[in-house]
Amino acid sequence: MSRLKPIRPDEMTDDAQRAYYDKIMSRENFKDIPAGAPLSGPFHAYQRSPNFATKMSDVTAYLRHDGLLEKRLVELATITVGRFWSAEVVFASHGPAAIKAGIDSEIVEAIRHKKTPEFARADEAAIYTFTQTILTKHEVDDDTYQAALDVLGEAGLVELIGLIGSYSLTSMTLNTFKIPVRSGMARPYPDKQS
């Protein structure tokens, strides 16, 4: 159960908070949410600081949709981060998105179960290894760095690091406030079921 009380639009007194709410609810993946419903996921927490939330939203939207990384690699890095932090909302949302973007379902399942996937594509192996290594060791060795650099180039590697940071922040927010998956979404991690 979330540590935060949901905020419905009619309870908002801050114009910036309402503008953030409207921005999030206008997204394609929120189209099935009833009008007037409170925000879910990390947005449920972020709306408490709408100025911060708007800036974070802009950065994340750039990295996910307008940045240098191919959608398939964005989703692979995202689920790797989500699983590292065991943030259920991240994986519940992005696991299916990763498959839709072209990541093999066996890779998604391996990550979900905290197993190292077997990759047929060198770019996916490089992104997964870089992401997992920077999260667990807080640095990368020369081979891991070079493999990611060969796939992404310097600017792309900077954006990958930004994406890892963005979803680490999201995951920490979800975990701190104990924000559950949306109603109707399955909880993704067998080791977190209780």
N, C-alpha and C. Protein backbone atom coordinates (compact mmCIF):
# COMPACT_ATOMS: atom_id res chain seq x y z
N MET A 1 0.84 -1.18 0.00
CA MET A 1 0.00 0.00 0.00
C MET A 1 0.89 1.25 0.00
N SER A 2 0.49 2.20 -0.81
CA SER A 2 1.28 3.42 -0.94
C SER A 2 1.34 4.19 0.37
N ARG A 3 2.47 4.82 0.59
CA ARG A 3 2.62 5.71 1.75
C ARG A 3 2.01 7.08 1.48
N LEU A 4 1.57 7.31 0.26
CA LEU A 4 1.01 8.61 -0.13
C LEU A 4 -0.48 8.47 -0.41
N LYS A 5 -1.22 9.43 0.06
CA LYS A 5 -2.65 9.49 -0.22
C LYS A 5 -2.84 9.98 -1.65
N PRO A 6 -3.69 9.33 -2.44
CA PRO A 6 -3.94 9.82 -3.80
C PRO A 6 -4.50 11.24 -3.78
N ILE A 7 -4.14 12.02 -4.79
CA ILE A 7 -4.66 13.38 -4.92
C ILE A 7 -5.53 13.41 -6.17
N ARG A 8 -6.80 13.65 -5.98
CA ARG A 8 -7.72 13.76 -7.11
C ARG A 8 -7.68 15.20 -7.65
N PRO A 9 -7.99 15.38 -8.91
CA PRO A 9 -7.94 16.73 -9.49
C PRO A 9 -8.74 17.76 -8.71
N ASP A 10 -9.88 17.38 -8.17
CA ASP A 10 -10.70 18.35 -7.44
C ASP A 10 -10.13 18.72 -6.08
N GLU A 11 -9.07 18.02 -5.67
CA GLU A 11 -8.40 18.31 -4.39
C GLU A 11 -7.15 19.18 -4.60
N MET A 12 -6.77 19.42 -5.83
CA MET A 12 -5.55 20.16 -6.12
C MET A 12 -5.79 21.66 -5.97
N THR A 13 -4.90 22.31 -5.26
CA THR A 13 -5.01 23.76 -5.07
C THR A 13 -3.89 24.50 -5.79
N ASP A 14 -2.94 23.77 -6.29
CA ASP A 14 -1.77 24.34 -6.95
C ASP A 14 -1.94 24.25 -8.47
N ASP A 15 -1.86 25.37 -9.18
CA ASP A 15 -2.02 25.37 -10.64
C ASP A 15 -0.95 24.52 -11.33
N ALA A 16 0.27 24.57 -10.80
CA ALA A 16 1.35 23.79 -11.40
C ALA A 16 1.08 22.30 -11.23
N GLN A 17 0.52 21.93 -10.09
CA GLN A 17 0.18 20.53 -9.84
C GLN A 17 -0.90 20.07 -10.82
N ARG A 18 -1.89 20.89 -11.04
CA ARG A 18 -2.96 20.55 -11.98
C ARG A 18 -2.43 20.48 -13.41
N ALA A 19 -1.54 21.38 -13.78
CA ALA A 19 -0.95 21.35 -15.13
C ALA A 19 -0.15 20.07 -15.33
N TYR A 20 0.59 19.66 -14.30
CA TYR A 20 1.35 18.41 -14.39
C TYR A 20 0.40 17.23 -14.53
N TYR A 21 -0.64 17.21 -13.73
CA TYR A 21 -1.65 16.16 -13.81
C TYR A 21 -2.20 16.06 -15.23
N ASP A 22 -2.61 17.19 -15.79
CA ASP A 22 -3.18 17.20 -17.14
C ASP A 22 -2.17 16.70 -18.17
N LYS A 23 -0.92 17.08 -18.02
CA LYS A 23 0.14 16.65 -18.95
C LYS A 23 0.30 15.13 -18.91
N ILE A 24 0.34 14.56 -17.73
CA ILE A 24 0.51 13.11 -17.60
C ILE A 24 -0.73 12.37 -18.11
N MET A 25 -1.90 12.84 -17.74
CA MET A 25 -3.14 12.16 -18.15
C MET A 25 -3.39 12.25 -19.66
N SER A 26 -2.72 13.16 -20.34
CA SER A 26 -2.90 13.27 -21.79
C SER A 26 -2.03 12.26 -22.56
N ARG A 27 -1.18 11.54 -21.85
CA ARG A 27 -0.31 10.56 -22.52
C ARG A 27 -1.13 9.38 -23.05
N GLU A 28 -0.63 8.80 -24.11
CA GLU A 28 -1.29 7.67 -24.75
C GLU A 28 -1.52 6.49 -23.79
N ASN A 29 -0.53 6.21 -22.94
CA ASN A 29 -0.66 5.06 -22.04
C ASN A 29 -1.59 5.31 -20.87
N PHE A 30 -2.16 6.51 -20.79
CA PHE A 30 -3.15 6.82 -19.75
C PHE A 30 -4.55 6.97 -20.34
N LYS A 31 -4.72 6.66 -21.62
CA LYS A 31 -6.00 6.90 -22.29
C LYS A 31 -7.15 6.09 -21.70
N ASP A 32 -6.86 4.95 -21.08
CA ASP A 32 -7.91 4.11 -20.51
C ASP A 32 -8.22 4.43 -19.05
N ILE A 33 -7.53 5.41 -18.49
CA ILE A 33 -7.76 5.80 -17.10
C ILE A 33 -8.98 6.73 -17.06
N PRO A 34 -9.92 6.47 -16.17
CA PRO A 34 -11.11 7.33 -16.11
C PRO A 34 -10.76 8.77 -15.76
N ALA A 35 -11.51 9.70 -16.33
CA ALA A 35 -11.32 11.13 -16.03
C ALA A 35 -11.50 11.35 -14.54
N GLY A 36 -10.63 12.16 -13.97
CA GLY A 36 -10.72 12.47 -12.54
C GLY A 36 -10.00 11.50 -11.63
N ALA A 37 -9.46 10.42 -12.20
CA ALA A 37 -8.73 9.45 -11.39
C ALA A 37 -7.40 10.06 -10.93
N PRO A 38 -6.94 9.69 -9.73
CA PRO A 38 -5.63 10.19 -9.31
C PRO A 38 -4.52 9.57 -10.16
N LEU A 39 -3.37 10.23 -10.17
CA LEU A 39 -2.22 9.69 -10.89
C LEU A 39 -1.73 8.42 -10.21
N SER A 40 -1.12 7.56 -11.01
CA SER A 40 -0.54 6.33 -10.49
C SER A 40 0.96 6.32 -10.80
N GLY A 41 1.62 5.24 -10.41
CA GLY A 41 3.04 5.11 -10.68
C GLY A 41 3.85 6.22 -10.02
N PRO A 42 5.02 6.53 -10.57
CA PRO A 42 5.86 7.56 -9.95
C PRO A 42 5.22 8.94 -9.99
N PHE A 43 4.30 9.13 -10.93
CA PHE A 43 3.63 10.43 -11.08
C PHE A 43 2.82 10.77 -9.83
N HIS A 44 2.35 9.72 -9.18
CA HIS A 44 1.61 9.85 -7.92
C HIS A 44 2.46 10.58 -6.87
N ALA A 45 3.75 10.28 -6.85
CA ALA A 45 4.67 10.97 -5.94
C ALA A 45 5.15 12.29 -6.52
N TYR A 46 5.53 12.28 -7.79
CA TYR A 46 6.12 13.47 -8.39
C TYR A 46 5.20 14.68 -8.35
N GLN A 47 3.88 14.46 -8.38
CA GLN A 47 2.97 15.61 -8.41
C GLN A 47 3.05 16.44 -7.14
N ARG A 48 3.66 15.91 -6.08
CA ARG A 48 3.84 16.70 -4.86
C ARG A 48 4.83 17.85 -5.08
N SER A 49 5.69 17.68 -6.08
CA SER A 49 6.65 18.73 -6.44
C SER A 49 6.54 18.95 -7.95
N PRO A 50 5.50 19.64 -8.40
CA PRO A 50 5.23 19.71 -9.83
C PRO A 50 6.31 20.40 -10.66
N ASN A 51 7.03 21.35 -10.10
CA ASN A 51 8.09 22.00 -10.86
C ASN A 51 9.23 21.02 -11.14
N PHE A 52 9.63 20.27 -10.12
CA PHE A 52 10.62 19.20 -10.29
C PHE A 52 10.08 18.16 -11.26
N ALA A 53 8.83 17.75 -11.06
CA ALA A 53 8.22 16.70 -11.87
C ALA A 53 8.21 17.06 -13.35
N THR A 54 7.90 18.29 -13.65
CA THR A 54 7.84 18.73 -15.04
C THR A 54 9.22 18.67 -15.69
N LYS A 55 10.22 19.10 -14.96
CA LYS A 55 11.59 19.05 -15.50
C LYS A 55 12.04 17.59 -15.71
N MET A 56 11.75 16.73 -14.74
CA MET A 56 12.10 15.32 -14.88
C MET A 56 11.36 14.70 -16.05
N SER A 57 10.10 15.03 -16.17
CA SER A 57 9.28 14.49 -17.25
C SER A 57 9.85 14.88 -18.61
N ASP A 58 10.31 16.11 -18.73
CA ASP A 58 10.89 16.56 -20.00
C ASP A 58 12.17 15.80 -20.33
N VAL A 59 13.01 15.59 -19.33
CA VAL A 59 14.26 14.85 -19.55
C VAL A 59 13.97 13.41 -19.95
N THR A 60 13.10 12.77 -19.19
CA THR A 60 12.77 11.37 -19.46
C THR A 60 12.11 11.22 -20.83
N ALA A 61 11.19 12.13 -21.16
CA ALA A 61 10.53 12.07 -22.47
C ALA A 61 11.55 12.22 -23.60
N TYR A 62 12.51 13.12 -23.43
CA TYR A 62 13.55 13.27 -24.44
C TYR A 62 14.33 11.96 -24.60
N LEU A 63 14.79 11.41 -23.50
CA LEU A 63 15.60 10.19 -23.56
C LEU A 63 14.82 9.02 -24.15
N ARG A 64 13.55 8.92 -23.83
CA ARG A 64 12.74 7.79 -24.29
C ARG A 64 12.29 7.94 -25.74
N HIS A 65 11.95 9.16 -26.16
CA HIS A 65 11.30 9.32 -27.46
C HIS A 65 12.08 10.12 -28.50
N ASP A 66 12.93 11.02 -28.06
CA ASP A 66 13.61 11.91 -29.00
C ASP A 66 15.12 11.80 -28.96
N GLY A 67 15.63 10.96 -28.09
CA GLY A 67 17.07 10.84 -27.91
C GLY A 67 17.72 9.97 -28.97
N LEU A 68 18.97 9.66 -28.75
CA LEU A 68 19.79 8.94 -29.73
C LEU A 68 19.64 7.42 -29.66
N LEU A 69 19.09 6.91 -28.56
CA LEU A 69 19.00 5.46 -28.40
C LEU A 69 17.76 4.90 -29.09
N GLU A 70 17.97 3.81 -29.78
CA GLU A 70 16.86 3.09 -30.41
C GLU A 70 15.88 2.62 -29.32
N LYS A 71 14.60 2.64 -29.62
CA LYS A 71 13.53 2.27 -28.67
C LYS A 71 13.80 0.92 -28.00
N ARG A 72 14.22 -0.05 -28.78
CA ARG A 72 14.52 -1.39 -28.26
C ARG A 72 15.57 -1.32 -27.16
N LEU A 73 16.60 -0.51 -27.35
CA LEU A 73 17.67 -0.41 -26.36
C LEU A 73 17.24 0.43 -25.16
N VAL A 74 16.40 1.42 -25.39
CA VAL A 74 15.83 2.20 -24.28
C VAL A 74 15.06 1.27 -23.35
N GLU A 75 14.21 0.44 -23.93
CA GLU A 75 13.38 -0.45 -23.10
C GLU A 75 14.23 -1.51 -22.39
N LEU A 76 15.26 -2.01 -23.06
CA LEU A 76 16.14 -2.99 -22.42
C LEU A 76 16.84 -2.37 -21.21
N ALA A 77 17.39 -1.19 -21.37
CA ALA A 77 18.05 -0.52 -20.25
C ALA A 77 17.05 -0.24 -19.14
N THR A 78 15.83 0.18 -19.50
CA THR A 78 14.82 0.52 -18.51
C THR A 78 14.44 -0.69 -17.66
N ILE A 79 14.19 -1.84 -18.28
CA ILE A 79 13.81 -3.00 -17.47
C ILE A 79 14.99 -3.53 -16.65
N THR A 80 16.19 -3.33 -17.16
CA THR A 80 17.37 -3.74 -16.39
C THR A 80 17.48 -2.90 -15.12
N VAL A 81 17.26 -1.60 -15.25
CA VAL A 81 17.27 -0.71 -14.09
C VAL A 81 16.12 -1.06 -13.14
N GLY A 82 14.93 -1.22 -13.70
CA GLY A 82 13.76 -1.54 -12.87
C GLY A 82 13.97 -2.80 -12.06
N ARG A 83 14.57 -3.81 -12.70
CA ARG A 83 14.79 -5.07 -11.96
C ARG A 83 15.89 -4.92 -10.94
N PHE A 84 16.93 -4.16 -11.26
CA PHE A 84 17.99 -3.94 -10.28
C PHE A 84 17.41 -3.38 -8.99
N TRP A 85 16.52 -2.40 -9.12
CA TRP A 85 15.89 -1.76 -7.95
C TRP A 85 14.67 -2.53 -7.46
N SER A 86 14.26 -3.58 -8.17
CA SER A 86 13.02 -4.31 -7.88
C SER A 86 11.82 -3.38 -7.80
N ALA A 87 11.78 -2.42 -8.71
CA ALA A 87 10.67 -1.47 -8.80
C ALA A 87 9.59 -2.10 -9.69
N GLU A 88 8.52 -2.53 -9.06
CA GLU A 88 7.50 -3.29 -9.78
C GLU A 88 6.82 -2.49 -10.88
N VAL A 89 6.52 -1.23 -10.62
CA VAL A 89 5.83 -0.42 -11.63
C VAL A 89 6.68 -0.30 -12.90
N VAL A 90 7.98 -0.11 -12.74
CA VAL A 90 8.85 0.04 -13.91
C VAL A 90 8.79 -1.22 -14.77
N PHE A 91 8.94 -2.36 -14.15
CA PHE A 91 8.97 -3.59 -14.95
C PHE A 91 7.59 -3.95 -15.48
N ALA A 92 6.55 -3.75 -14.68
CA ALA A 92 5.19 -4.06 -15.14
C ALA A 92 4.83 -3.22 -16.36
N SER A 93 5.30 -1.98 -16.40
CA SER A 93 5.02 -1.09 -17.54
C SER A 93 5.94 -1.36 -18.72
N HIS A 94 7.22 -1.55 -18.43
CA HIS A 94 8.21 -1.59 -19.51
C HIS A 94 8.58 -2.99 -19.98
N GLY A 95 8.25 -4.04 -19.22
CA GLY A 95 8.48 -5.40 -19.71
C GLY A 95 7.73 -5.64 -21.01
N PRO A 96 6.41 -5.41 -21.03
CA PRO A 96 5.66 -5.56 -22.29
C PRO A 96 6.14 -4.60 -23.38
N ALA A 97 6.52 -3.39 -22.98
CA ALA A 97 7.01 -2.41 -23.96
C ALA A 97 8.33 -2.89 -24.58
N ALA A 98 9.17 -3.56 -23.79
CA ALA A 98 10.43 -4.09 -24.31
C ALA A 98 10.18 -5.15 -25.38
N ILE A 99 9.23 -6.03 -25.11
CA ILE A 99 8.89 -7.07 -26.09
C ILE A 99 8.33 -6.43 -27.35
N LYS A 100 7.44 -5.47 -27.18
CA LYS A 100 6.85 -4.77 -28.32
C LYS A 100 7.92 -4.06 -29.15
N ALA A 101 8.96 -3.55 -28.48
CA ALA A 101 10.03 -2.84 -29.18
C ALA A 101 11.03 -3.78 -29.85
N GLY A 102 10.92 -5.08 -29.59
CA GLY A 102 11.79 -6.03 -30.28
C GLY A 102 12.74 -6.83 -29.40
N ILE A 103 12.65 -6.68 -28.09
CA ILE A 103 13.48 -7.49 -27.19
C ILE A 103 12.81 -8.85 -27.05
N ASP A 104 13.56 -9.91 -27.23
CA ASP A 104 13.03 -11.27 -27.13
C ASP A 104 12.41 -11.50 -25.75
N SER A 105 11.26 -12.15 -25.73
CA SER A 105 10.55 -12.39 -24.46
C SER A 105 11.38 -13.22 -23.49
N GLU A 106 12.26 -14.09 -24.01
CA GLU A 106 13.12 -14.89 -23.12
C GLU A 106 14.12 -14.00 -22.39
N ILE A 107 14.57 -12.95 -23.04
CA ILE A 107 15.48 -11.99 -22.40
C ILE A 107 14.73 -11.25 -21.30
N VAL A 108 13.53 -10.80 -21.60
CA VAL A 108 12.72 -10.08 -20.60
C VAL A 108 12.46 -10.99 -19.40
N GLU A 109 12.11 -12.23 -19.65
CA GLU A 109 11.84 -13.18 -18.55
C GLU A 109 13.10 -13.45 -17.72
N ALA A 110 14.24 -13.58 -18.37
CA ALA A 110 15.49 -13.80 -17.63
C ALA A 110 15.76 -12.62 -16.70
N ILE A 111 15.62 -11.42 -17.20
CA ILE A 111 15.84 -10.23 -16.37
C ILE A 111 14.84 -10.19 -15.23
N ARG A 112 13.59 -10.48 -15.52
CA ARG A 112 12.54 -10.49 -14.50
C ARG A 112 12.88 -11.45 -13.37
N HIS A 113 13.50 -12.56 -13.70
CA HIS A 113 13.86 -13.58 -12.71
C HIS A 113 15.29 -13.42 -12.18
N LYS A 114 15.91 -12.26 -12.44
CA LYS A 114 17.27 -11.96 -11.98
C LYS A 114 18.31 -12.94 -12.52
N LYS A 115 18.13 -13.35 -13.76
CA LYS A 115 19.10 -14.23 -14.42
C LYS A 115 19.75 -13.44 -15.54
N THR A 116 20.99 -13.76 -15.83
CA THR A 116 21.69 -13.09 -16.94
C THR A 116 21.18 -13.68 -18.25
N PRO A 117 20.62 -12.82 -19.10
CA PRO A 117 20.08 -13.31 -20.38
C PRO A 117 21.18 -13.74 -21.35
N GLU A 118 20.79 -14.55 -22.31
CA GLU A 118 21.65 -14.87 -23.44
C GLU A 118 21.20 -14.01 -24.60
N PHE A 119 22.12 -13.26 -25.18
CA PHE A 119 21.79 -12.32 -26.24
C PHE A 119 22.29 -12.82 -27.58
N ALA A 120 21.43 -12.71 -28.59
CA ALA A 120 21.84 -13.00 -29.97
C ALA A 120 22.41 -11.73 -30.62
N ARG A 121 22.03 -10.56 -30.12
CA ARG A 121 22.45 -9.30 -30.71
C ARG A 121 23.52 -8.66 -29.83
N ALA A 122 24.61 -8.26 -30.46
CA ALA A 122 25.74 -7.67 -29.73
C ALA A 122 25.36 -6.33 -29.09
N ASP A 123 24.51 -5.54 -29.75
CA ASP A 123 24.15 -4.25 -29.17
C ASP A 123 23.36 -4.43 -27.88
N GLU A 124 22.47 -5.41 -27.84
CA GLU A 124 21.69 -5.66 -26.63
C GLU A 124 22.59 -6.16 -25.50
N ALA A 125 23.53 -7.03 -25.83
CA ALA A 125 24.47 -7.52 -24.81
C ALA A 125 25.28 -6.37 -24.24
N ALA A 126 25.72 -5.46 -25.09
CA ALA A 126 26.52 -4.32 -24.64
C ALA A 126 25.72 -3.40 -23.72
N ILE A 127 24.47 -3.12 -24.09
CA ILE A 127 23.63 -2.23 -23.28
C ILE A 127 23.30 -2.87 -21.95
N TYR A 128 22.93 -4.14 -21.96
CA TYR A 128 22.61 -4.84 -20.71
C TYR A 128 23.83 -4.89 -19.80
N THR A 129 24.98 -5.28 -20.34
CA THR A 129 26.19 -5.41 -19.53
C THR A 129 26.60 -4.06 -18.94
N PHE A 130 26.57 -3.02 -19.75
CA PHE A 130 26.92 -1.69 -19.26
C PHE A 130 25.97 -1.27 -18.13
N THR A 131 24.68 -1.42 -18.37
CA THR A 131 23.68 -0.99 -17.39
C THR A 131 23.84 -1.77 -16.09
N GLN A 132 23.93 -3.06 -16.19
CA GLN A 132 24.05 -3.91 -14.99
C GLN A 132 25.36 -3.61 -14.25
N THR A 133 26.43 -3.40 -14.99
CA THR A 133 27.73 -3.17 -14.37
C THR A 133 27.78 -1.83 -13.64
N ILE A 134 27.29 -0.76 -14.28
CA ILE A 134 27.36 0.55 -13.62
C ILE A 134 26.48 0.57 -12.37
N LEU A 135 25.36 -0.16 -12.42
CA LEU A 135 24.48 -0.21 -11.25
C LEU A 135 25.09 -1.02 -10.11
N THR A 136 25.69 -2.13 -10.42
CA THR A 136 26.19 -3.02 -9.36
C THR A 136 27.59 -2.67 -8.88
N LYS A 137 28.44 -2.20 -9.80
CA LYS A 137 29.83 -1.92 -9.42
C LYS A 137 30.14 -0.43 -9.33
N HIS A 138 29.22 0.41 -9.78
CA HIS A 138 29.35 1.87 -9.72
C HIS A 138 30.47 2.40 -10.63
N GLU A 139 30.95 1.56 -11.51
CA GLU A 139 31.93 1.93 -12.53
C GLU A 139 31.95 0.83 -13.58
N VAL A 140 32.61 1.06 -14.70
CA VAL A 140 32.70 0.03 -15.73
C VAL A 140 34.15 -0.18 -16.13
N ASP A 141 34.48 -1.42 -16.45
CA ASP A 141 35.83 -1.72 -16.91
C ASP A 141 35.98 -1.29 -18.37
N ASP A 142 37.20 -1.33 -18.87
CA ASP A 142 37.49 -0.84 -20.22
C ASP A 142 36.72 -1.60 -21.29
N ASP A 143 36.61 -2.93 -21.15
CA ASP A 143 35.91 -3.72 -22.16
C ASP A 143 34.42 -3.38 -22.21
N THR A 144 33.80 -3.23 -21.05
CA THR A 144 32.37 -2.88 -20.97
C THR A 144 32.14 -1.50 -21.55
N TYR A 145 33.01 -0.57 -21.20
CA TYR A 145 32.94 0.80 -21.74
C TYR A 145 33.06 0.78 -23.26
N GLN A 146 34.06 0.08 -23.78
CA GLN A 146 34.31 0.08 -25.23
C GLN A 146 33.16 -0.57 -25.99
N ALA A 147 32.60 -1.65 -25.45
CA ALA A 147 31.48 -2.32 -26.13
C ALA A 147 30.28 -1.37 -26.25
N ALA A 148 29.96 -0.65 -25.18
CA ALA A 148 28.85 0.30 -25.21
C ALA A 148 29.18 1.48 -26.13
N LEU A 149 30.40 1.95 -26.08
CA LEU A 149 30.83 3.06 -26.93
C LEU A 149 30.74 2.68 -28.41
N ASP A 150 31.15 1.45 -28.74
CA ASP A 150 31.08 0.99 -30.13
C ASP A 150 29.65 0.97 -30.64
N VAL A 151 28.69 0.66 -29.78
CA VAL A 151 27.28 0.60 -30.17
C VAL A 151 26.66 1.99 -30.26
N LEU A 152 26.99 2.85 -29.28
CA LEU A 152 26.25 4.10 -29.13
C LEU A 152 27.01 5.36 -29.52
N GLY A 153 28.33 5.32 -29.53
CA GLY A 153 29.11 6.54 -29.69
C GLY A 153 29.10 7.31 -28.38
N GLU A 154 29.88 8.36 -28.30
CA GLU A 154 29.99 9.11 -27.04
C GLU A 154 28.68 9.77 -26.63
N ALA A 155 28.01 10.44 -27.56
CA ALA A 155 26.76 11.12 -27.21
C ALA A 155 25.69 10.12 -26.78
N GLY A 156 25.59 9.00 -27.48
CA GLY A 156 24.63 7.98 -27.12
C GLY A 156 24.92 7.37 -25.76
N LEU A 157 26.20 7.20 -25.45
CA LEU A 157 26.58 6.66 -24.15
C LEU A 157 26.21 7.63 -23.02
N VAL A 158 26.40 8.91 -23.27
CA VAL A 158 25.97 9.92 -22.29
C VAL A 158 24.46 9.78 -22.05
N GLU A 159 23.70 9.60 -23.11
CA GLU A 159 22.25 9.49 -22.97
C GLU A 159 21.85 8.18 -22.28
N LEU A 160 22.57 7.10 -22.54
CA LEU A 160 22.30 5.85 -21.81
C LEU A 160 22.50 6.06 -20.32
N ILE A 161 23.58 6.72 -19.94
CA ILE A 161 23.83 6.98 -18.52
C ILE A 161 22.70 7.85 -17.95
N GLY A 162 22.23 8.83 -18.72
CA GLY A 162 21.11 9.65 -18.28
C GLY A 162 19.85 8.83 -18.08
N LEU A 163 19.59 7.89 -18.99
CA LEU A 163 18.42 7.02 -18.88
C LEU A 163 18.52 6.14 -17.64
N ILE A 164 19.70 5.58 -17.40
CA ILE A 164 19.91 4.75 -16.21
C ILE A 164 19.66 5.58 -14.95
N GLY A 165 20.16 6.81 -14.93
CA GLY A 165 19.94 7.68 -13.79
C GLY A 165 18.48 8.05 -13.62
N SER A 166 17.80 8.34 -14.72
CA SER A 166 16.40 8.72 -14.67
C SER A 166 15.54 7.59 -14.11
N TYR A 167 15.75 6.38 -14.59
CA TYR A 167 14.95 5.26 -14.10
C TYR A 167 15.40 4.76 -12.73
N SER A 168 16.63 5.05 -12.34
CA SER A 168 17.03 4.79 -10.95
C SER A 168 16.27 5.73 -10.02
N LEU A 169 16.18 7.00 -10.40
CA LEU A 169 15.41 7.96 -9.61
C LEU A 169 13.94 7.53 -9.52
N THR A 170 13.37 7.15 -10.65
CA THR A 170 11.99 6.68 -10.65
C THR A 170 11.82 5.47 -9.75
N SER A 171 12.73 4.52 -9.86
CA SER A 171 12.65 3.29 -9.06
C SER A 171 12.78 3.59 -7.57
N MET A 172 13.71 4.47 -7.21
CA MET A 172 13.87 4.83 -5.79
C MET A 172 12.62 5.53 -5.28
N THR A 173 12.01 6.36 -6.11
CA THR A 173 10.78 7.04 -5.72
C THR A 173 9.66 6.03 -5.48
N LEU A 174 9.48 5.11 -6.41
CA LEU A 174 8.45 4.08 -6.27
C LEU A 174 8.67 3.25 -5.01
N ASN A 175 9.91 2.86 -4.77
CA ASN A 175 10.20 2.02 -3.61
C ASN A 175 10.06 2.78 -2.30
N THR A 176 10.49 4.03 -2.26
CA THR A 176 10.40 4.82 -1.04
C THR A 176 8.94 5.01 -0.62
N PHE A 177 8.10 5.33 -1.58
CA PHE A 177 6.71 5.61 -1.27
C PHE A 177 5.81 4.38 -1.39
N LYS A 178 6.42 3.23 -1.67
CA LYS A 178 5.69 1.95 -1.78
C LYS A 178 4.50 2.07 -2.72
N ILE A 179 4.76 2.59 -3.88
CA ILE A 179 3.70 2.79 -4.86
C ILE A 179 3.48 1.48 -5.63
N PRO A 180 2.27 0.96 -5.57
CA PRO A 180 1.99 -0.33 -6.21
C PRO A 180 1.74 -0.18 -7.71
N VAL A 181 1.71 -1.33 -8.39
CA VAL A 181 1.34 -1.34 -9.80
C VAL A 181 -0.12 -0.89 -9.93
N ARG A 182 -0.46 -0.39 -11.10
CA ARG A 182 -1.82 0.04 -11.39
C ARG A 182 -2.80 -1.11 -11.25
N SER A 183 -4.00 -0.80 -10.90
CA SER A 183 -5.06 -1.81 -10.83
C SER A 183 -5.15 -2.53 -12.17
N GLY A 184 -5.20 -3.85 -12.12
CA GLY A 184 -5.26 -4.65 -13.33
C GLY A 184 -3.91 -5.09 -13.86
N MET A 185 -2.83 -4.52 -13.34
CA MET A 185 -1.47 -4.92 -13.75
C MET A 185 -0.99 -6.04 -12.82
N ALA A 186 -0.34 -7.02 -13.39
CA ALA A 186 0.22 -8.10 -12.59
C ALA A 186 1.52 -7.63 -11.94
N ARG A 187 1.74 -8.04 -10.70
CA ARG A 187 3.02 -7.76 -10.05
C ARG A 187 4.07 -8.66 -10.70
N PRO A 188 5.20 -8.10 -11.14
CA PRO A 188 6.10 -8.87 -12.00
C PRO A 188 7.13 -9.77 -11.30
N TYR A 189 7.42 -9.52 -10.04
CA TYR A 189 8.56 -10.20 -9.43
C TYR A 189 8.12 -11.29 -8.47
N PRO A 190 8.42 -12.55 -8.78
CA PRO A 190 8.04 -13.65 -7.88
C PRO A 190 8.66 -13.50 -6.49
N ASP A 191 9.87 -12.97 -6.40
CA ASP A 191 10.55 -12.85 -5.10
C ASP A 191 10.00 -11.72 -4.26
N LYS A 192 9.12 -10.87 -4.79
CA LYS A 192 8.54 -9.77 -4.01
C LYS A 192 7.09 -10.05 -3.60
N GLN A 193 6.55 -11.20 -4.02
CA GLN A 193 5.18 -11.54 -3.66
C GLN A 193 5.15 -11.99 -2.20
N SER A 194 4.19 -11.49 -1.47
CA SER A 194 4.07 -11.94 -0.06
C SER A 194 2.64 -11.93 0.37
